Amino acid sequence: MPSNTPSALVRLPAVVVLLCSAATTAAAPDANSCRDLYRMTDVHHAIEPGISVAATDELPAHCRVQGVINRAIRFEVTLPEEWNGRLMFEAVGGLAGVIGDTTSLLSRGFAQASTDTGHELAEGNSFMQQPEALIDYAYRGVHLATLATKRVIAEYYGRNVEHSYLKGCSNGGRAAMLEAARFPEDYDGIIAGAPAFRFQEFTAWMVAVGRKQAANPLDRAALQVLDDASRNACDAMDGVEDGVINDPRLCTVDIDALACADGESEGCLSAGQVETARFIYGDMNDAEGNLLSPGVPPGAEAAGDWGGWILPNETLAGGQTIVGDLIPEMLTFLMRHDPAFDLDAFDPVADIDRLRDPSTPIDLRTADLSEFRDHGGKLLIYQGWNDFPLRPQRAIAYLESVEEEMGGAEATADFFRMFMLPGMVHCAGGPGAWQTDYTDPIVRWREDGEAPERIVATHPGPMAMDHLDAEAETGQGRRFTRPLCAYPELAQYDGEGDPDDEASFRCAAP
């Protein structure tokens, strides 16, 4: 999932932000108070002396303090001179192992914090072999760093956090959702992007894709063939030809028609590539026809997300692939206590239940969010329709399960809303409008009771992103805007007006 490594589960690039309505601000203590935060050190926390950071053209003056919890969980807190009473914590994507964003909201008065969850990026997947490190990565690291952060803030400013918020995408989105379910009083508002909260399903499907790709690999030319086919079949269905499939659930691609005829070798797929593409698009079902993992919806196949996961990556040793090398390694580490587990003999369909118990610390398996709701918490999920690793159907199914558990769609919408992004791949990027601010909407919702119905997003034009295939065309050449609508509504073109302007679209049920 975009990430701090090409290997998975993701951090986002900076996004355009709007001004929040500021809470009452208070001047911060002096430099001595920043330095003296080390005095909070105790048997459980090792706190470094705080560092006073002078203002620059990009950032206001602030105090930065770093610390370690339980000898391994590193965290960082930044404290602006003019504090608005709010905290924004970033849960890191990928395999974590680094500190996330602690500066982007300082100019808006937020204190910020993040944690590496208890291991370092250089360890790769190996931390998963350590029981405590795995639990720290799964959920404890964010929780304990949250508690420590709130203590630091209270010590520095002489008052408690008024409203606490959490953001994260991919693995960060998963960690954010586990906070809502397992520690419902930690946060008042949570922004969870493309949450990787079904590790059992994710690993099994990825292993299956890796095997298909190893046998009959899709290359960049094949991805372009698929991209052209889906766009030609479905782009215009919403009345706007913009390279974006508005609702890919309505799109069908005739994969067989893409097969090379005798003597053809360009602009078509080999028979083996047809089989690989069919598997990726299709659902993975068990012998009784029960859905185990949904397929990837049509659209944006050549935008870098597919390639980032299935093609050899030059940043990985030996040009490894995520689906063929890194995910199987993660699965092997996760299953190390099962003496009968054999990766080569593992059947992603027949053996998927064997992954249930080992993935319990990582996965979200409850639709009961009543404690978070009763605390006054608000949960905002955003999900790309063209996300390769975390297909959007699983997020939709989770929302539906929460609605069933929590009294219906209307009752659930009081505290949980989801925004589906046409043309967005994993967390960021793709041909659709994806760049936006979710901070202002979650603050208005939690503090002012203004539930988000419509959020304006922008496609910024081509830009490089670490989580996407570097050789792919990751974006279109023009800048345009679209409204993001609270699911199940979708943006619909009014039939007149500038199709590159969000004002020409309305949110309506499909």
Foldseek 3Di string as FASTA:
>chain_A
DDAPALQWWHDDDDFDADAFDFAQWDFWDDQVLQQPLQVVDDPFKGKHGWDWDPDDPQAHTWIKIWIDGPVFKIKIKIAHRIARLEEEEEEHTDQQQDFDDQTPCVVNRYIYMYISLGHHCVCALVLLLPVVSVLSLQEVSVVVNLVVRQVSVCSGRVHGRPFYEYEYEGSRLLNQVCCLVPVLQSHQEYERELYNQCLLLLLLLLLVLQVLCVVFNDDLQNLVLQQVQQLVQACCVQPDNQQWRFALVPTDGPLVVQDDDPPDDGSGGHPSVSVSVCSQQAFDAAPVRHGSGGHFGGGQSQQFQVCSAHFFDPVDPPSDHNSNPSSLVSVCSLCVVPVPDDSVPDNSHPCSVVNVVSCVSNHDDDLDSPSNVVSLHAYEYEYECRARSRHCVVVVVSLVRNQVVQPHDVRCLLHYWYWYWIQAYRQGFGATFRRFHPVNQRCCCRPVVDHDFKTKGKFPAFDDGNNGDRPGRGYHHDMAMAITGTPPWTWHAPNDDDPRYRVRTDTDHD
